Amino acid sequence: MRHKVRALIPLSAVLLLSGLVLAACGGGSKSGGEGGGSDSGSTGAAQLAAVNKIVKGLFTKEGTFSSPPTTAPKPKAGTNVWLISCGQSISICSHPIGAAEEAAASLGWNSTTFDDKGEPAKASEGIRSAIADHADVIYDFYIDCRYIQGALKQAKAAGILLVGADVTDCGESNAGSENLFDYITTYSGNLTKAKKGEESYLDHIRAWGASLALWSIQETEGHADALIYQDNVGYGDRVLAHATLEAYEKYCPECEAEIIVFPYSALETGMQERVRQDLLKNPKVNVLNPTYDTIAIAGLVAGAEASGRDLLINSGEGDEAGVNLTREGKLGAGSGWSLEWDSWAALDAANRLMNGEEPQPTGMGLQMFDKERNLGPSGPWNPPYDYAAIYKKAFEGGEG
């Protein structure tokens, strides 16, 4: 079985999938002749039935989503918030930052956006500029604490509230380090609605990554040979990729899967030739699993087309450009994740913390989509709740 990680990530870094996925799938037998079930090397009917049941549930009208909070404390007008972007030329960064700008305006806050231009270490410059500007709040999107630890410590010492989305804290990515964020977005629904309570970003992203593999297993009827594409910057993307790999290992003995680690800069310079070469080296591959839409948009689809191969490729979180490729039949199903909702939730939490209140459940969950299901005729995938309108109404009617 080709269940392995290529390039920058050591095997010791493989992270196990959350217990919820294992329970929902009924345990499954191990792959590669490790024991614990049939050693026939085939994906059994019971395993495929379990996979199909989960995937079917994620295609429902609401998936695992619920409503965001409908009330909020009165925002403090004139609050100075700095928004730290992971690269404004990259859609996965610019779209949620645009949503954060809109949320800040709805709160009556003044916002400044800093663009790290896809180089995480440069985000420290933005944080120090925010300190000099006497910011009240710093919002960080997709720039992990480990890249900006020193600057975050300075901001914390200055009494600035630190909130993030799609980020890991220093203690999460480096055991023993101090956690610095006051809040990182949480999620209300995993692969099923059986588990109650909010889940962390890492728990949610494990489930999201697993959904990519489960759909691929379903579509290939347990005969996937997959390359999983992961960037070398985001710790969360590393967790996501390993969760995808782990789902293949646990629930598809006949499947092959491998993680390909690529430099984050390739999202700007282009992925096409890299993907074409990967496919030449792996002539049996029939599935590509990009871990988010920008990877597909930045050349993965073009590289796949240049190969002339008939490949199954998942869509990602529901970015408009990725969804358009789904509508065209170039990408298959995606697992909707509203990065814009992430930003509204983070600033809602900041408002609550500034008013001495605890952050509330966000309502964010999972919902799968494809060409026929859960997509409108145009635009991006949209979650089953108009979160922006709900948050705006809550902010306008702020209590207190």
Protein backbone atom coordinates (compact mmCIF):
# COMPACT_ATOMS: atom_id res chain seq x y z
CA MET A 1 0.00 0.00 0.00
CA ARG A 2 1.37 3.45 -0.88
CA HIS A 3 0.17 5.28 2.24
CA LYS A 4 2.98 7.73 2.83
CA VAL A 5 4.14 11.34 2.97
CA ARG A 6 6.53 12.69 0.38
CA ALA A 7 9.05 15.52 0.92
CA LEU A 8 8.98 17.86 3.90
CA ILE A 9 6.88 16.11 6.56
CA PRO A 10 8.42 13.24 8.61
CA LEU A 11 6.28 10.17 9.22
CA SER A 12 6.47 10.86 12.95
CA ALA A 13 4.29 13.93 12.33
CA VAL A 14 1.27 11.90 11.11
CA LEU A 15 -1.78 12.91 13.14
CA LEU A 16 -4.59 10.47 13.86
CA LEU A 17 -8.11 11.24 12.70
CA SER A 18 -10.57 12.24 15.42
CA GLY A 19 -12.47 9.46 17.19
CA LEU A 20 -15.76 10.77 15.80
CA VAL A 21 -14.83 9.72 12.28
CA LEU A 22 -13.80 6.28 13.47
CA ALA A 23 -17.01 5.75 15.42
CA ALA A 24 -19.20 7.01 12.59
CA CYS A 25 -17.56 4.59 10.17
CA GLY A 26 -17.90 1.64 12.48
CA GLY A 27 -14.18 1.10 13.09
CA GLY A 28 -13.12 -0.39 9.79
CA SER A 29 -10.24 -2.83 9.25
CA LYS A 30 -6.64 -1.76 8.99
CA SER A 31 -4.91 -1.55 5.63
CA GLY A 32 -1.62 -3.02 4.56
CA GLY A 33 -2.06 -6.37 6.32
CA GLU A 34 -1.69 -4.91 9.81
CA GLY A 35 -4.34 -7.17 11.30
CA GLY A 36 -7.56 -6.20 13.02
CA GLY A 37 -9.91 -7.56 10.34
CA SER A 38 -9.88 -9.31 7.01
CA ASP A 39 -6.47 -9.54 5.34
CA SER A 40 -7.97 -9.98 1.88
CA GLY A 41 -6.88 -6.46 0.90
CA SER A 42 -10.35 -5.56 -0.34
CA THR A 43 -12.66 -2.79 0.78
CA GLY A 44 -15.69 -4.57 2.22
CA ALA A 45 -19.33 -3.79 1.61
CA ALA A 46 -19.79 -2.77 5.25
CA GLN A 47 -16.97 -0.22 5.00
CA LEU A 48 -18.37 1.24 1.79
CA ALA A 49 -21.84 1.40 3.34
CA ALA A 50 -20.48 3.33 6.32
CA VAL A 51 -18.63 5.73 4.03
CA ASN A 52 -21.75 6.22 1.88
CA LYS A 53 -23.87 6.95 4.95
CA ILE A 54 -21.57 9.74 6.13
CA VAL A 55 -21.24 11.28 2.67
CA LYS A 56 -25.03 11.17 2.20
CA GLY A 57 -25.48 13.03 5.50
CA LEU A 58 -23.06 15.75 4.42
CA PHE A 59 -25.05 16.37 1.23
CA THR A 60 -28.24 17.21 3.16
CA LYS A 61 -29.85 20.66 3.11
CA GLU A 62 -28.07 21.89 6.24
CA GLY A 63 -25.21 19.40 6.52
CA THR A 64 -23.98 19.88 10.08
CA PHE A 65 -24.51 23.68 10.12
CA SER A 66 -26.70 25.65 12.52
CA SER A 67 -27.46 29.35 12.95
CA PRO A 68 -24.84 31.80 14.21
CA PRO A 69 -25.74 33.89 17.31
CA THR A 70 -28.80 36.11 16.79
CA THR A 71 -27.95 38.59 19.58
CA ALA A 72 -24.76 40.41 20.50
CA PRO A 73 -23.54 42.94 23.07
CA LYS A 74 -23.42 46.57 21.97
CA PRO A 75 -20.20 47.14 19.97
CA LYS A 76 -17.75 49.74 21.19
CA ALA A 77 -17.79 52.36 18.43
CA GLY A 78 -14.43 53.48 17.09
CA THR A 79 -12.62 50.26 18.04
CA ASN A 80 -9.34 50.05 16.12
CA VAL A 81 -8.89 46.62 14.51
CA TRP A 82 -6.00 45.48 12.34
CA LEU A 83 -6.58 42.62 9.88
CA ILE A 84 -3.50 40.55 9.07
CA SER A 85 -3.82 38.81 5.68
CA CYS A 86 -1.91 35.74 4.48
CA GLY A 87 -1.67 37.24 0.97
CA GLN A 88 -4.14 39.54 -0.76
CA SER A 89 -3.26 38.16 -4.19
CA ILE A 90 -4.38 34.69 -2.99
CA SER A 91 -8.14 34.17 -2.94
CA ILE A 92 -8.14 31.94 0.13
CA CYS A 93 -6.75 34.95 2.03
CA SER A 94 -8.30 37.99 0.33
CA HIS A 95 -11.92 36.78 0.48
CA PRO A 96 -12.05 36.26 4.27
CA ILE A 97 -10.17 39.50 4.86
CA GLY A 98 -12.77 41.29 2.73
CA ALA A 99 -15.45 39.74 4.94
CA ALA A 100 -13.56 40.93 8.03
CA GLU A 101 -13.54 44.46 6.63
CA GLU A 102 -17.31 44.24 6.15
CA ALA A 103 -17.84 42.83 9.64
CA ALA A 104 -15.69 45.57 11.18
CA ALA A 105 -17.73 48.23 9.38
CA SER A 106 -20.95 46.65 10.65
CA LEU A 107 -19.59 46.83 14.18
CA GLY A 108 -18.73 50.51 13.71
CA TRP A 109 -15.02 49.73 13.99
CA ASN A 110 -12.09 51.26 12.10
CA SER A 111 -10.09 48.62 10.23
CA THR A 112 -6.65 48.51 8.63
CA THR A 113 -5.54 45.58 6.44
CA PHE A 114 -1.92 44.42 6.35
CA ASP A 115 -0.83 42.12 3.50
CA ASP A 116 2.05 39.73 4.23
CA LYS A 117 2.18 38.95 0.48
CA GLY A 118 2.25 35.21 1.14
CA GLU A 119 5.31 35.34 3.43
CA PRO A 120 4.13 34.50 6.98
CA ALA A 121 7.17 35.94 8.77
CA LYS A 122 6.39 39.37 7.28
CA ALA A 123 3.12 39.41 9.20
CA SER A 124 5.17 40.45 12.25
CA GLU A 125 5.66 43.84 10.56
CA GLY A 126 1.90 44.27 10.42
CA ILE A 127 1.47 43.31 14.06
CA ARG A 128 4.13 45.79 15.16
CA SER A 129 2.48 48.47 13.04
CA ALA A 130 -0.80 47.65 14.78
CA ILE A 131 0.91 48.08 18.16
CA ALA A 132 2.28 51.46 17.07
CA ASP A 133 -1.23 52.43 15.92
CA HIS A 134 -2.64 51.54 19.37
CA ALA A 135 -4.88 48.81 17.97
CA ASP A 136 -7.56 47.39 20.22
CA VAL A 137 -7.90 44.15 18.27
CA ILE A 138 -5.68 42.19 15.87
CA TYR A 139 -7.34 39.60 13.62
CA ASP A 140 -5.05 37.05 12.01
CA PHE A 141 -6.18 34.81 9.15
CA TYR A 142 -4.19 31.65 8.24
CA ILE A 143 -0.85 32.75 9.71
CA ASP A 144 0.11 30.34 12.46
CA CYS A 145 1.45 31.59 15.78
CA ARG A 146 4.83 29.91 15.23
CA TYR A 147 5.67 32.39 12.45
CA ILE A 148 4.82 35.50 14.46
CA GLN A 149 5.34 34.45 18.05
CA GLY A 150 7.58 37.35 19.06
CA ALA A 151 5.29 40.00 17.59
CA LEU A 152 2.22 38.39 19.17
CA LYS A 153 3.91 38.45 22.57
CA GLN A 154 4.57 42.16 22.12
CA ALA A 155 0.95 42.78 21.14
CA LYS A 156 -0.30 40.79 24.13
CA ALA A 157 1.97 42.79 26.44
CA ALA A 158 0.46 45.96 24.95
CA GLY A 159 -3.01 44.75 25.97
CA ILE A 160 -4.27 44.11 22.44
CA LEU A 161 -6.97 41.46 21.98
CA LEU A 162 -5.73 38.71 19.64
CA VAL A 163 -8.23 36.71 17.60
CA GLY A 164 -7.67 34.35 14.69
CA ALA A 165 -9.32 32.04 12.20
CA ASP A 166 -7.82 29.05 10.40
CA VAL A 167 -4.74 29.35 12.59
CA THR A 168 -3.03 27.23 15.21
CA ASP A 169 -1.74 28.67 18.47
CA CYS A 170 1.90 28.27 19.49
CA GLY A 171 1.13 25.54 22.00
CA GLU A 172 -0.79 23.53 19.40
CA SER A 173 1.98 23.38 16.81
CA ASN A 174 4.89 23.34 19.28
CA ALA A 175 4.25 21.43 22.51
CA GLY A 176 5.35 23.38 25.57
CA SER A 177 5.03 26.81 23.96
CA GLU A 178 2.67 29.41 25.39
CA ASN A 179 -0.67 29.90 23.66
CA LEU A 180 -1.09 33.57 22.77
CA PHE A 181 -4.46 34.01 21.03
CA ASP A 182 -7.44 35.11 23.10
CA TYR A 183 -9.76 33.35 20.66
CA ILE A 184 -9.54 31.11 17.58
CA THR A 185 -12.76 30.30 15.72
CA THR A 186 -14.58 27.15 16.81
CA TYR A 187 -17.05 24.96 14.94
CA SER A 188 -20.46 23.54 15.78
CA GLY A 189 -20.72 20.46 13.57
CA ASN A 190 -18.33 17.68 12.59
CA LEU A 191 -19.04 14.70 10.31
CA THR A 192 -22.29 13.91 12.10
CA LYS A 193 -24.55 15.82 14.50
CA ALA A 194 -24.13 13.13 17.15
CA LYS A 195 -21.31 14.95 18.89
CA LYS A 196 -22.40 18.03 20.83
CA GLY A 197 -20.44 21.15 21.74
CA GLU A 198 -17.96 23.36 19.94
CA GLU A 199 -14.90 21.84 18.32
CA SER A 200 -11.50 23.36 17.74
CA TYR A 201 -10.12 24.41 14.38
CA LEU A 202 -7.87 21.33 14.31
CA ASP A 203 -10.72 18.92 15.12
CA HIS A 204 -12.86 20.51 12.43
CA ILE A 205 -10.15 20.45 9.82
CA ARG A 206 -9.51 16.75 10.49
CA ALA A 207 -13.15 16.03 9.71
CA TRP A 208 -13.01 18.27 6.64
CA GLY A 209 -9.96 16.43 5.33
CA ALA A 210 -11.59 13.08 5.99
CA SER A 211 -14.61 14.11 3.93
CA LEU A 212 -12.37 14.52 0.85
CA ALA A 213 -11.16 10.94 1.16
CA LEU A 214 -14.60 9.52 1.94
CA TRP A 215 -16.10 11.09 -1.19
CA SER A 216 -13.19 9.78 -3.29
CA ILE A 217 -13.61 6.30 -1.83
CA GLN A 218 -17.32 6.41 -2.65
CA GLU A 219 -16.80 7.61 -6.23
CA THR A 220 -14.12 5.01 -7.02
CA GLU A 221 -16.02 2.26 -5.16
CA GLY A 222 -12.99 1.65 -2.96
CA HIS A 223 -10.33 1.75 -5.69
CA ALA A 224 -8.78 5.22 -5.31
CA ASP A 225 -5.11 5.83 -6.07
CA ALA A 226 -4.68 9.37 -4.76
CA LEU A 227 -2.21 12.23 -4.51
CA ILE A 228 -3.06 14.64 -1.68
CA TYR A 229 -1.69 18.16 -2.15
CA GLN A 230 -0.57 20.08 0.96
CA ASP A 231 1.25 23.43 1.24
CA ASN A 232 4.40 23.71 3.37
CA VAL A 233 3.23 26.72 5.40
CA GLY A 234 -0.06 26.10 7.20
CA TYR A 235 0.07 23.71 10.15
CA GLY A 236 -3.68 23.33 9.72
CA ASP A 237 -3.21 22.25 6.10
CA ARG A 238 -0.72 19.64 7.29
CA VAL A 239 -3.31 18.31 9.76
CA LEU A 240 -5.95 18.32 6.99
CA ALA A 241 -3.76 16.37 4.57
CA HIS A 242 -2.88 13.76 7.18
CA ALA A 243 -6.56 13.37 8.09
CA THR A 244 -7.31 12.69 4.42
CA LEU A 245 -4.49 10.12 4.33
CA GLU A 246 -5.69 8.51 7.57
CA ALA A 247 -9.24 8.12 6.21
CA TYR A 248 -7.89 6.27 3.19
CA GLU A 249 -5.78 4.04 5.43
CA LYS A 250 -8.63 3.14 7.76
CA TYR A 251 -11.51 2.68 5.36
CA CYS A 252 -10.11 1.65 2.03
CA PRO A 253 -7.63 -1.27 2.06
CA GLU A 254 -7.48 -1.32 -1.74
CA CYS A 255 -6.82 2.41 -1.99
CA GLU A 256 -3.41 3.99 -2.44
CA ALA A 257 -2.71 7.48 -1.11
CA GLU A 258 0.28 9.77 -0.82
CA ILE A 259 0.81 13.35 0.38
CA ILE A 260 2.66 15.73 -1.92
CA VAL A 261 4.08 18.75 -0.08
CA PHE A 262 4.56 21.83 -2.28
CA PRO A 263 5.95 25.32 -1.54
CA TYR A 264 3.29 27.90 -0.71
CA SER A 265 4.88 30.25 -3.27
CA ALA A 266 3.69 27.88 -6.02
CA LEU A 267 0.17 29.25 -5.50
CA GLU A 268 1.42 32.44 -7.12
CA THR A 269 3.99 31.04 -9.55
CA GLY A 270 1.76 28.18 -10.73
CA MET A 271 1.20 24.47 -10.01
CA GLN A 272 0.67 23.17 -13.55
CA GLU A 273 4.12 21.79 -14.36
CA ARG A 274 4.58 20.42 -10.83
CA VAL A 275 1.34 18.44 -11.12
CA ARG A 276 2.14 17.24 -14.62
CA GLN A 277 5.48 15.85 -13.39
CA ASP A 278 3.83 14.20 -10.38
CA LEU A 279 1.41 12.41 -12.70
CA LEU A 280 4.23 11.23 -14.97
CA LYS A 281 5.90 9.69 -11.92
CA ASN A 282 2.66 8.05 -10.78
CA PRO A 283 0.98 6.50 -13.85
CA LYS A 284 -1.67 4.62 -11.83
CA VAL A 285 -3.02 7.64 -9.98
CA ASN A 286 -6.74 8.24 -10.62
CA VAL A 287 -7.58 10.77 -7.86
CA LEU A 288 -6.18 14.19 -6.95
CA ASN A 289 -7.10 15.67 -3.56
CA PRO A 290 -6.21 19.37 -3.36
CA THR A 291 -6.75 20.45 0.25
CA TYR A 292 -8.33 23.78 -0.75
CA ASP A 293 -9.66 25.52 -3.85
CA THR A 294 -6.71 27.81 -4.54
CA ILE A 295 -4.51 24.78 -5.23
CA ALA A 296 -6.87 23.60 -7.97
CA ILE A 297 -7.25 27.10 -9.37
CA ALA A 298 -3.50 27.80 -9.35
CA GLY A 299 -2.70 25.08 -11.87
CA LEU A 300 -3.62 21.66 -10.50
CA VAL A 301 -6.57 21.34 -12.87
CA ALA A 302 -4.49 22.64 -15.77
CA GLY A 303 -1.72 20.14 -14.98
CA ALA A 304 -4.26 17.32 -14.81
CA GLU A 305 -5.73 18.34 -18.18
CA ALA A 306 -2.26 18.53 -19.73
CA SER A 307 -1.63 14.93 -18.66
CA GLY A 308 -4.53 13.69 -20.79
CA ARG A 309 -5.56 11.36 -17.94
CA ASP A 310 -9.12 10.70 -16.74
CA LEU A 311 -8.82 11.88 -13.13
CA LEU A 312 -11.23 12.40 -10.25
CA ILE A 313 -10.47 15.75 -8.54
CA ASN A 314 -12.35 17.13 -5.57
CA SER A 315 -13.38 20.74 -5.26
CA GLY A 316 -12.42 22.52 -2.06
CA GLU A 317 -14.17 24.84 0.38
CA GLY A 318 -16.45 26.54 -2.15
CA ASP A 319 -14.51 29.48 -3.58
CA GLU A 320 -16.30 30.88 -6.66
CA ALA A 321 -13.48 30.03 -9.07
CA GLY A 322 -13.33 26.47 -7.75
CA VAL A 323 -17.11 26.11 -7.84
CA ASN A 324 -17.16 27.27 -11.45
CA LEU A 325 -14.78 24.42 -12.26
CA THR A 326 -17.22 22.08 -10.51
CA ARG A 327 -20.07 23.43 -12.64
CA GLU A 328 -17.93 22.79 -15.73
CA GLY A 329 -17.29 19.21 -14.65
CA LYS A 330 -13.56 19.74 -14.13
CA LEU A 331 -13.84 19.32 -10.36
CA GLY A 332 -16.11 16.99 -8.43
CA ALA A 333 -17.59 17.44 -4.98
CA GLY A 334 -16.31 19.89 -2.41
CA SER A 335 -16.82 20.20 1.32
CA GLY A 336 -18.19 23.67 1.96
CA TRP A 337 -16.31 25.81 4.43
CA SER A 338 -17.17 29.51 4.55
CA LEU A 339 -13.91 31.32 5.23
CA GLU A 340 -15.91 34.54 5.22
CA TRP A 341 -18.11 33.20 8.04
CA ASP A 342 -14.85 32.50 9.91
CA SER A 343 -14.09 36.23 9.84
CA TRP A 344 -17.54 37.32 11.02
CA ALA A 345 -17.36 34.75 13.84
CA ALA A 346 -13.90 35.93 14.92
CA LEU A 347 -14.94 39.59 15.11
CA ASP A 348 -18.20 38.66 16.85
CA ALA A 349 -16.09 36.86 19.46
CA ALA A 350 -13.80 39.89 19.77
CA ASN A 351 -16.82 42.11 20.41
CA ARG A 352 -18.07 39.75 23.12
CA LEU A 353 -14.67 39.52 24.80
CA MET A 354 -14.35 43.30 24.82
CA ASN A 355 -17.70 43.40 26.62
CA GLY A 356 -16.68 40.82 29.20
CA GLU A 357 -18.72 38.01 27.63
CA GLU A 358 -17.77 34.53 26.46
CA PRO A 359 -17.76 33.74 22.72
CA GLN A 360 -20.87 31.85 21.56
CA PRO A 361 -21.24 28.77 19.32
CA THR A 362 -20.59 29.83 15.73
CA GLY A 363 -22.94 27.46 13.90
CA MET A 364 -20.23 26.59 11.38
CA GLY A 365 -20.23 22.97 10.25
CA LEU A 366 -19.78 20.91 7.09
CA GLN A 367 -21.87 20.53 3.95
CA MET A 368 -20.78 18.80 0.77
CA PHE A 369 -21.74 20.05 -2.69
CA ASP A 370 -21.37 18.97 -6.28
CA LYS A 371 -22.68 19.99 -9.69
CA GLU A 372 -26.23 18.87 -8.88
CA ARG A 373 -26.48 19.49 -5.13
CA ASN A 374 -26.19 22.49 -2.79
CA LEU A 375 -25.00 24.94 -5.46
CA GLY A 376 -26.78 27.88 -7.04
CA PRO A 377 -26.56 28.63 -10.78
CA SER A 378 -23.69 31.09 -10.24
CA GLY A 379 -21.35 32.45 -7.59
CA PRO A 380 -19.57 30.55 -4.81
CA TRP A 381 -20.98 27.82 -2.61
CA ASN A 382 -23.00 29.44 0.13
CA PRO A 383 -23.67 27.92 3.54
CA PRO A 384 -27.28 27.13 4.49
CA TYR A 385 -27.55 30.27 6.67
CA ASP A 386 -27.21 33.94 5.69
CA TYR A 387 -24.63 34.43 8.41
CA ALA A 388 -23.68 38.00 7.41
CA ALA A 389 -27.29 39.22 7.62
CA ILE A 390 -27.75 37.47 10.97
CA TYR A 391 -24.58 38.98 12.42
CA LYS A 392 -25.43 42.46 11.09
CA LYS A 393 -28.86 42.35 12.69
CA ALA A 394 -27.31 41.18 15.97
CA PHE A 395 -24.72 43.98 15.90
CA GLU A 396 -27.32 46.64 15.08
CA GLY A 397 -29.55 45.52 17.93
CA GLY A 398 -26.64 45.17 20.33
CA GLU A 399 -27.70 44.69 23.92
CA GLY A 400 -26.51 46.88 26.76
